[in-house]
Amino acid sequence: MDEHELIWEREWPARTSILVLAFAGYFDAGSAATGAIDHLIEHTDATRLATIDGDAFFDAQQVRPHVVLEDGVTRTIVWPENSVYANDETDAGAPFGHGAGRELVLLSGIEPHYSWRRFAGLLIEVAEHTGAQVVITLGAMPAQVPHSRMP
């Protein structure tokens, strides 16, 4: 693996975790899976733990960066990425935190277009580094219902 594809932004203490993954793409109808991860990130006060550089994995014709205007003037380019989040809390009262016996580690991002094996290797590295004992993937598909019936 290229050491620059998986970038750890902070230390991970020795503890076990549950890794929950969701990817925008074919199996994220209505952003249900990635929306669930975003909800968990917001409501557990999770902060970014690591990122996976997407240059080798994304087709720029399908997933493009976008420009964000701040105060109507300053422009920032936001590149598509896969980010890993975890709660910094270690006290017993933290939701899904250390007091529950396992830390909740959340990965939200974009399903790769290229190099699936290398990408899967990075996910395994995240699971091993965070002590994941359980890995859960989220997804959503629209029901295949004929136009003549209610979904």
N, C-alpha and C. Protein backbone atom coordinates (compact mmCIF):
# COMPACT_ATOMS: atom_id res chain seq x y z
N MET A 1 0.83 -1.19 0.00
CA MET A 1 0.00 0.00 0.00
C MET A 1 0.88 1.25 0.00
N ASP A 2 0.43 2.25 -0.70
CA ASP A 2 1.12 3.53 -0.67
C ASP A 2 0.85 4.17 0.68
N GLU A 3 1.91 4.55 1.37
CA GLU A 3 1.75 5.10 2.73
C GLU A 3 0.98 6.41 2.75
N HIS A 4 0.81 7.03 1.59
CA HIS A 4 0.10 8.31 1.56
C HIS A 4 -1.37 8.17 1.19
N GLU A 5 -1.84 6.95 0.93
CA GLU A 5 -3.25 6.77 0.59
C GLU A 5 -4.13 6.79 1.84
N LEU A 6 -3.63 6.28 2.95
CA LEU A 6 -4.36 6.30 4.21
C LEU A 6 -3.61 7.25 5.15
N ILE A 7 -4.26 8.34 5.48
CA ILE A 7 -3.61 9.40 6.26
C ILE A 7 -4.28 9.49 7.63
N TRP A 8 -3.54 9.13 8.67
CA TRP A 8 -4.04 9.21 10.04
C TRP A 8 -3.83 10.63 10.54
N GLU A 9 -4.89 11.25 11.04
CA GLU A 9 -4.82 12.64 11.48
C GLU A 9 -4.60 12.79 12.97
N ARG A 10 -4.81 11.71 13.72
CA ARG A 10 -4.57 11.74 15.16
C ARG A 10 -4.31 10.32 15.65
N GLU A 11 -3.83 10.23 16.87
CA GLU A 11 -3.50 8.93 17.45
C GLU A 11 -4.76 8.15 17.79
N TRP A 12 -4.65 6.84 17.75
CA TRP A 12 -5.74 5.97 18.16
C TRP A 12 -5.29 5.21 19.39
N PRO A 13 -5.96 5.41 20.53
CA PRO A 13 -5.56 4.69 21.74
C PRO A 13 -5.87 3.20 21.60
N ALA A 14 -5.22 2.40 22.39
CA ALA A 14 -5.43 0.94 22.35
C ALA A 14 -6.81 0.63 22.92
N ARG A 15 -7.78 0.41 22.04
CA ARG A 15 -9.12 0.01 22.43
C ARG A 15 -9.79 -0.66 21.25
N THR A 16 -10.82 -1.41 21.51
CA THR A 16 -11.53 -2.12 20.44
C THR A 16 -12.64 -1.23 19.89
N SER A 17 -13.11 -1.58 18.70
CA SER A 17 -14.12 -0.76 18.07
C SER A 17 -15.10 -1.60 17.27
N ILE A 18 -16.15 -0.91 16.84
CA ILE A 18 -17.09 -1.42 15.85
C ILE A 18 -16.96 -0.46 14.68
N LEU A 19 -16.63 -0.95 13.50
CA LEU A 19 -16.44 -0.12 12.32
C LEU A 19 -17.71 -0.18 11.47
N VAL A 20 -18.28 0.99 11.18
CA VAL A 20 -19.50 1.08 10.37
C VAL A 20 -19.15 1.88 9.11
N LEU A 21 -19.43 1.30 7.94
CA LEU A 21 -19.06 1.88 6.65
C LEU A 21 -20.29 2.17 5.81
N ALA A 22 -20.25 3.28 5.08
CA ALA A 22 -21.29 3.58 4.09
C ALA A 22 -20.64 4.35 2.94
N PHE A 23 -21.04 3.99 1.72
CA PHE A 23 -20.45 4.62 0.54
C PHE A 23 -21.54 5.17 -0.37
N ALA A 24 -21.36 6.40 -0.82
CA ALA A 24 -22.24 6.97 -1.83
C ALA A 24 -21.98 6.21 -3.12
N GLY A 25 -23.01 5.96 -3.85
CA GLY A 25 -22.88 5.21 -5.09
C GLY A 25 -24.13 4.40 -5.33
N TYR A 26 -23.99 3.30 -6.02
CA TYR A 26 -25.12 2.50 -6.44
C TYR A 26 -25.98 2.01 -5.28
N PHE A 27 -25.37 1.65 -4.16
CA PHE A 27 -26.12 1.10 -3.03
C PHE A 27 -26.36 2.14 -1.94
N ASP A 28 -26.66 3.37 -2.34
CA ASP A 28 -26.97 4.43 -1.38
C ASP A 28 -28.17 5.23 -1.86
N ALA A 29 -29.26 4.53 -2.14
CA ALA A 29 -30.46 5.18 -2.65
C ALA A 29 -30.94 6.25 -1.67
N GLY A 30 -31.17 7.43 -2.20
CA GLY A 30 -31.66 8.54 -1.39
C GLY A 30 -30.67 8.95 -0.30
N SER A 31 -29.42 8.59 -0.46
CA SER A 31 -28.37 8.88 0.55
C SER A 31 -28.74 8.32 1.92
N ALA A 32 -29.48 7.24 1.95
CA ALA A 32 -29.92 6.66 3.22
C ALA A 32 -28.74 6.16 4.05
N ALA A 33 -27.80 5.45 3.43
CA ALA A 33 -26.67 4.88 4.18
C ALA A 33 -25.70 5.97 4.63
N THR A 34 -25.27 6.83 3.70
CA THR A 34 -24.34 7.89 4.08
C THR A 34 -25.02 8.90 5.01
N GLY A 35 -26.32 9.10 4.84
CA GLY A 35 -27.06 9.98 5.75
C GLY A 35 -27.08 9.43 7.17
N ALA A 36 -27.19 8.10 7.29
CA ALA A 36 -27.17 7.48 8.62
C ALA A 36 -25.80 7.69 9.28
N ILE A 37 -24.73 7.53 8.51
CA ILE A 37 -23.38 7.77 9.05
C ILE A 37 -23.23 9.23 9.44
N ASP A 38 -23.67 10.14 8.58
CA ASP A 38 -23.58 11.58 8.90
C ASP A 38 -24.34 11.89 10.19
N HIS A 39 -25.49 11.27 10.37
CA HIS A 39 -26.27 11.47 11.60
C HIS A 39 -25.48 10.98 12.81
N LEU A 40 -24.88 9.79 12.72
CA LEU A 40 -24.09 9.27 13.83
C LEU A 40 -22.87 10.14 14.13
N ILE A 41 -22.22 10.64 13.10
CA ILE A 41 -21.07 11.53 13.30
C ILE A 41 -21.50 12.76 14.08
N GLU A 42 -22.62 13.35 13.66
CA GLU A 42 -23.10 14.58 14.31
C GLU A 42 -23.54 14.33 15.75
N HIS A 43 -24.23 13.24 16.00
CA HIS A 43 -24.82 13.02 17.32
C HIS A 43 -23.91 12.29 18.30
N THR A 44 -22.74 11.89 17.87
CA THR A 44 -21.77 11.30 18.80
C THR A 44 -20.57 12.21 18.96
N ASP A 45 -20.62 13.41 18.36
CA ASP A 45 -19.51 14.36 18.41
C ASP A 45 -18.21 13.74 17.92
N ALA A 46 -18.30 12.86 16.94
CA ALA A 46 -17.11 12.23 16.37
C ALA A 46 -16.32 13.25 15.57
N THR A 47 -15.01 13.11 15.60
CA THR A 47 -14.12 13.96 14.82
C THR A 47 -13.30 13.09 13.87
N ARG A 48 -12.73 13.73 12.88
CA ARG A 48 -12.02 12.98 11.85
C ARG A 48 -10.77 12.31 12.43
N LEU A 49 -10.65 11.04 12.13
CA LEU A 49 -9.53 10.23 12.57
C LEU A 49 -8.54 10.00 11.44
N ALA A 50 -9.06 9.78 10.23
CA ALA A 50 -8.20 9.49 9.08
C ALA A 50 -8.96 9.77 7.79
N THR A 51 -8.22 9.84 6.69
CA THR A 51 -8.82 9.97 5.37
C THR A 51 -8.11 9.00 4.42
N ILE A 52 -8.84 8.60 3.39
CA ILE A 52 -8.26 7.80 2.32
C ILE A 52 -8.21 8.70 1.10
N ASP A 53 -7.01 8.94 0.60
CA ASP A 53 -6.83 9.78 -0.59
C ASP A 53 -7.52 9.10 -1.77
N GLY A 54 -8.39 9.82 -2.45
CA GLY A 54 -9.20 9.22 -3.49
C GLY A 54 -8.63 9.27 -4.89
N ASP A 55 -7.49 9.91 -5.10
CA ASP A 55 -6.97 10.07 -6.46
C ASP A 55 -6.87 8.75 -7.23
N ALA A 56 -6.43 7.70 -6.59
CA ALA A 56 -6.25 6.42 -7.28
C ALA A 56 -7.56 5.64 -7.41
N PHE A 57 -8.62 6.08 -6.75
CA PHE A 57 -9.84 5.29 -6.67
C PHE A 57 -11.04 5.89 -7.38
N PHE A 58 -11.03 7.20 -7.64
CA PHE A 58 -12.20 7.88 -8.20
C PHE A 58 -12.01 8.24 -9.66
N ASP A 59 -13.09 8.14 -10.43
CA ASP A 59 -13.15 8.62 -11.80
C ASP A 59 -13.66 10.06 -11.72
N ALA A 60 -12.81 11.01 -12.07
CA ALA A 60 -13.15 12.43 -11.94
C ALA A 60 -14.29 12.86 -12.86
N GLN A 61 -14.65 12.03 -13.83
CA GLN A 61 -15.81 12.35 -14.66
C GLN A 61 -17.11 11.97 -13.97
N GLN A 62 -17.03 11.07 -12.98
CA GLN A 62 -18.23 10.66 -12.25
C GLN A 62 -18.37 11.38 -10.92
N VAL A 63 -17.26 11.65 -10.26
CA VAL A 63 -17.26 12.32 -8.96
C VAL A 63 -16.32 13.51 -9.05
N ARG A 64 -16.89 14.67 -9.08
CA ARG A 64 -16.08 15.88 -9.28
C ARG A 64 -15.94 16.66 -7.98
N PRO A 65 -14.83 17.38 -7.87
CA PRO A 65 -14.72 18.30 -6.73
C PRO A 65 -15.70 19.45 -6.93
N HIS A 66 -16.04 20.14 -5.86
CA HIS A 66 -16.90 21.30 -6.01
C HIS A 66 -16.32 22.48 -5.25
N VAL A 67 -16.73 23.65 -5.65
CA VAL A 67 -16.23 24.89 -5.06
C VAL A 67 -17.24 25.41 -4.06
N VAL A 68 -16.76 25.81 -2.90
CA VAL A 68 -17.61 26.38 -1.85
C VAL A 68 -17.23 27.84 -1.68
N LEU A 69 -18.24 28.69 -1.71
CA LEU A 69 -18.01 30.11 -1.45
C LEU A 69 -18.24 30.39 0.02
N GLU A 70 -17.30 31.06 0.63
CA GLU A 70 -17.41 31.46 2.03
C GLU A 70 -17.46 32.98 2.08
N ASP A 71 -18.50 33.51 2.69
CA ASP A 71 -18.74 34.95 2.76
C ASP A 71 -18.85 35.57 1.37
N GLY A 72 -19.26 34.78 0.38
CA GLY A 72 -19.46 35.27 -0.96
C GLY A 72 -18.19 35.58 -1.72
N VAL A 73 -17.04 35.37 -1.12
CA VAL A 73 -15.78 35.75 -1.76
C VAL A 73 -14.78 34.60 -1.79
N THR A 74 -14.41 34.11 -0.62
CA THR A 74 -13.37 33.10 -0.52
C THR A 74 -13.86 31.79 -1.11
N ARG A 75 -13.06 31.23 -1.99
CA ARG A 75 -13.42 29.96 -2.62
C ARG A 75 -12.52 28.85 -2.08
N THR A 76 -13.15 27.73 -1.79
CA THR A 76 -12.43 26.55 -1.34
C THR A 76 -12.86 25.39 -2.23
N ILE A 77 -11.90 24.61 -2.68
CA ILE A 77 -12.23 23.42 -3.46
C ILE A 77 -12.37 22.25 -2.50
N VAL A 78 -13.51 21.56 -2.57
CA VAL A 78 -13.76 20.39 -1.73
C VAL A 78 -13.63 19.16 -2.62
N TRP A 79 -12.63 18.34 -2.33
CA TRP A 79 -12.35 17.14 -3.11
C TRP A 79 -13.13 15.96 -2.54
N PRO A 80 -13.60 15.06 -3.39
CA PRO A 80 -14.28 13.88 -2.87
C PRO A 80 -13.30 13.04 -2.05
N GLU A 81 -13.79 12.50 -0.94
CA GLU A 81 -12.90 11.73 -0.07
C GLU A 81 -13.67 10.69 0.72
N ASN A 82 -12.93 9.78 1.29
CA ASN A 82 -13.46 8.81 2.24
C ASN A 82 -12.84 9.16 3.57
N SER A 83 -13.67 9.46 4.56
CA SER A 83 -13.17 9.90 5.85
C SER A 83 -13.59 8.95 6.96
N VAL A 84 -12.70 8.77 7.91
CA VAL A 84 -12.94 7.92 9.07
C VAL A 84 -13.11 8.84 10.27
N TYR A 85 -14.18 8.62 11.04
CA TYR A 85 -14.47 9.43 12.21
C TYR A 85 -14.56 8.55 13.45
N ALA A 86 -14.24 9.13 14.59
CA ALA A 86 -14.40 8.43 15.87
C ALA A 86 -14.56 9.49 16.95
N ASN A 87 -15.17 9.08 18.04
CA ASN A 87 -15.38 9.97 19.17
C ASN A 87 -14.10 10.09 19.97
N ASP A 88 -13.76 11.30 20.40
CA ASP A 88 -12.58 11.53 21.23
C ASP A 88 -12.82 11.14 22.67
N GLU A 89 -14.08 11.01 23.06
CA GLU A 89 -14.41 10.77 24.46
C GLU A 89 -13.94 9.39 24.90
N THR A 90 -13.45 9.32 26.14
CA THR A 90 -13.05 8.03 26.69
C THR A 90 -13.75 7.77 28.02
N ASP A 91 -14.63 8.68 28.45
CA ASP A 91 -15.29 8.47 29.74
C ASP A 91 -16.48 7.54 29.60
N ALA A 92 -16.95 7.04 30.71
CA ALA A 92 -18.00 6.03 30.71
C ALA A 92 -19.33 6.58 30.19
N GLY A 93 -19.51 7.89 30.19
CA GLY A 93 -20.79 8.44 29.75
C GLY A 93 -20.87 8.70 28.26
N ALA A 94 -19.80 8.49 27.52
CA ALA A 94 -19.80 8.78 26.10
C ALA A 94 -20.66 7.79 25.34
N PRO A 95 -21.57 8.29 24.46
CA PRO A 95 -22.39 7.36 23.70
C PRO A 95 -21.53 6.51 22.78
N PHE A 96 -21.70 5.21 22.82
CA PHE A 96 -20.95 4.24 22.02
C PHE A 96 -19.46 4.31 22.31
N GLY A 97 -19.06 5.01 23.33
CA GLY A 97 -17.64 5.22 23.61
C GLY A 97 -17.04 4.11 24.43
N HIS A 98 -15.92 4.41 25.03
CA HIS A 98 -15.12 3.45 25.77
C HIS A 98 -15.92 2.80 26.91
N GLY A 99 -16.82 3.58 27.51
CA GLY A 99 -17.62 3.02 28.60
C GLY A 99 -18.55 1.91 28.14
N ALA A 100 -18.89 1.89 26.85
CA ALA A 100 -19.76 0.84 26.30
C ALA A 100 -18.97 -0.42 25.95
N GLY A 101 -17.66 -0.36 26.09
CA GLY A 101 -16.83 -1.52 25.80
C GLY A 101 -16.18 -1.48 24.44
N ARG A 102 -16.77 -0.77 23.50
CA ARG A 102 -16.21 -0.63 22.17
C ARG A 102 -16.44 0.77 21.65
N GLU A 103 -15.48 1.29 20.94
CA GLU A 103 -15.59 2.61 20.31
C GLU A 103 -16.31 2.45 18.97
N LEU A 104 -17.11 3.44 18.60
CA LEU A 104 -17.78 3.44 17.31
C LEU A 104 -16.90 4.21 16.33
N VAL A 105 -16.44 3.53 15.29
CA VAL A 105 -15.62 4.15 14.24
C VAL A 105 -16.47 4.17 12.99
N LEU A 106 -16.57 5.34 12.35
CA LEU A 106 -17.49 5.55 11.24
C LEU A 106 -16.72 5.95 9.99
N LEU A 107 -17.00 5.30 8.88
CA LEU A 107 -16.38 5.68 7.61
C LEU A 107 -17.47 6.04 6.63
N SER A 108 -17.40 7.26 6.13
CA SER A 108 -18.37 7.73 5.15
C SER A 108 -17.59 8.20 3.94
N GLY A 109 -18.05 7.79 2.77
CA GLY A 109 -17.31 8.21 1.58
C GLY A 109 -17.97 7.80 0.30
N ILE A 110 -17.13 7.58 -0.69
CA ILE A 110 -17.60 7.29 -2.03
C ILE A 110 -17.07 5.93 -2.46
N GLU A 111 -17.95 5.12 -2.99
CA GLU A 111 -17.57 3.81 -3.51
C GLU A 111 -16.51 4.01 -4.60
N PRO A 112 -15.43 3.23 -4.56
CA PRO A 112 -14.36 3.44 -5.56
C PRO A 112 -14.80 3.02 -6.97
N HIS A 113 -14.18 3.66 -7.95
CA HIS A 113 -14.40 3.29 -9.35
C HIS A 113 -13.26 2.38 -9.84
N TYR A 114 -12.09 2.51 -9.24
CA TYR A 114 -10.89 1.77 -9.64
C TYR A 114 -10.23 1.13 -8.41
N SER A 115 -9.38 0.18 -8.66
CA SER A 115 -8.49 -0.42 -7.64
C SER A 115 -9.24 -0.90 -6.41
N TRP A 116 -10.27 -1.70 -6.63
CA TRP A 116 -11.08 -2.19 -5.52
C TRP A 116 -10.26 -3.00 -4.52
N ARG A 117 -9.35 -3.84 -4.99
CA ARG A 117 -8.56 -4.65 -4.07
C ARG A 117 -7.68 -3.80 -3.18
N ARG A 118 -7.04 -2.81 -3.76
CA ARG A 118 -6.19 -1.91 -2.96
C ARG A 118 -7.04 -1.12 -1.97
N PHE A 119 -8.21 -0.68 -2.40
CA PHE A 119 -9.12 0.05 -1.52
C PHE A 119 -9.57 -0.84 -0.37
N ALA A 120 -9.94 -2.09 -0.68
CA ALA A 120 -10.35 -3.03 0.36
C ALA A 120 -9.21 -3.25 1.36
N GLY A 121 -7.98 -3.30 0.86
CA GLY A 121 -6.81 -3.44 1.75
C GLY A 121 -6.70 -2.27 2.71
N LEU A 122 -7.02 -1.07 2.25
CA LEU A 122 -6.99 0.11 3.14
C LEU A 122 -8.09 0.01 4.19
N LEU A 123 -9.27 -0.49 3.80
CA LEU A 123 -10.35 -0.67 4.78
C LEU A 123 -9.95 -1.69 5.84
N ILE A 124 -9.28 -2.75 5.42
CA ILE A 124 -8.79 -3.75 6.38
C ILE A 124 -7.76 -3.12 7.31
N GLU A 125 -6.91 -2.27 6.77
CA GLU A 125 -5.92 -1.57 7.60
C GLU A 125 -6.60 -0.68 8.64
N VAL A 126 -7.67 0.02 8.25
CA VAL A 126 -8.43 0.84 9.20
C VAL A 126 -9.02 -0.05 10.29
N ALA A 127 -9.61 -1.17 9.90
CA ALA A 127 -10.22 -2.08 10.87
C ALA A 127 -9.17 -2.62 11.84
N GLU A 128 -8.03 -3.03 11.34
CA GLU A 128 -6.98 -3.56 12.21
C GLU A 128 -6.41 -2.48 13.13
N HIS A 129 -6.16 -1.29 12.59
CA HIS A 129 -5.58 -0.20 13.37
C HIS A 129 -6.49 0.26 14.51
N THR A 130 -7.80 0.21 14.27
CA THR A 130 -8.76 0.66 15.28
C THR A 130 -9.26 -0.47 16.16
N GLY A 131 -8.74 -1.66 15.97
CA GLY A 131 -9.14 -2.80 16.79
C GLY A 131 -10.57 -3.23 16.56
N ALA A 132 -11.05 -3.09 15.32
CA ALA A 132 -12.44 -3.44 15.02
C ALA A 132 -12.67 -4.93 15.19
N GLN A 133 -13.65 -5.26 16.02
CA GLN A 133 -14.05 -6.65 16.20
C GLN A 133 -15.29 -6.97 15.39
N VAL A 134 -15.98 -5.93 14.95
CA VAL A 134 -17.17 -6.07 14.12
C VAL A 134 -17.08 -5.00 13.03
N VAL A 135 -17.41 -5.38 11.79
CA VAL A 135 -17.48 -4.43 10.68
C VAL A 135 -18.88 -4.53 10.09
N ILE A 136 -19.56 -3.38 10.01
CA ILE A 136 -20.93 -3.32 9.50
C ILE A 136 -20.94 -2.40 8.29
N THR A 137 -21.54 -2.85 7.19
CA THR A 137 -21.70 -1.99 6.03
C THR A 137 -23.18 -1.64 5.89
N LEU A 138 -23.43 -0.39 5.57
CA LEU A 138 -24.80 0.09 5.36
C LEU A 138 -25.04 0.32 3.88
N GLY A 139 -26.24 0.09 3.43
CA GLY A 139 -26.60 0.33 2.05
C GLY A 139 -28.10 0.48 1.90
N ALA A 140 -28.52 0.97 0.76
CA ALA A 140 -29.94 1.15 0.50
C ALA A 140 -30.20 0.99 -1.00
N MET A 141 -31.26 0.28 -1.32
CA MET A 141 -31.66 0.09 -2.71
C MET A 141 -33.13 0.46 -2.84
N PRO A 142 -33.51 1.11 -3.94
CA PRO A 142 -34.95 1.36 -4.13
C PRO A 142 -35.65 0.03 -4.46
N ALA A 143 -36.86 -0.07 -4.01
CA ALA A 143 -37.63 -1.28 -4.29
C ALA A 143 -37.92 -1.34 -5.79
N GLN A 144 -37.81 -2.53 -6.35
CA GLN A 144 -38.12 -2.69 -7.78
C GLN A 144 -39.61 -2.99 -7.90
N VAL A 145 -40.35 -1.93 -8.13
CA VAL A 145 -41.81 -2.01 -8.18
C VAL A 145 -42.25 -1.48 -9.54
N PRO A 146 -43.18 -2.16 -10.20
CA PRO A 146 -43.68 -1.62 -11.48
C PRO A 146 -44.36 -0.27 -11.27
N HIS A 147 -44.34 0.53 -12.29
CA HIS A 147 -44.91 1.89 -12.20
C HIS A 147 -46.40 1.88 -11.84
N SER A 148 -47.05 0.74 -12.03
CA SER A 148 -48.49 0.66 -11.76
C SER A 148 -48.81 0.37 -10.30
N ARG A 149 -47.79 0.16 -9.46
CA ARG A 149 -48.02 -0.13 -8.05
C ARG A 149 -47.31 0.89 -7.16
N MET A 150 -47.83 1.02 -5.95
CA MET A 150 -47.18 1.91 -4.98
C MET A 150 -45.90 1.26 -4.49
N PRO A 151 -44.83 2.02 -4.32
CA PRO A 151 -43.60 1.44 -3.76
C PRO A 151 -43.76 1.10 -2.29
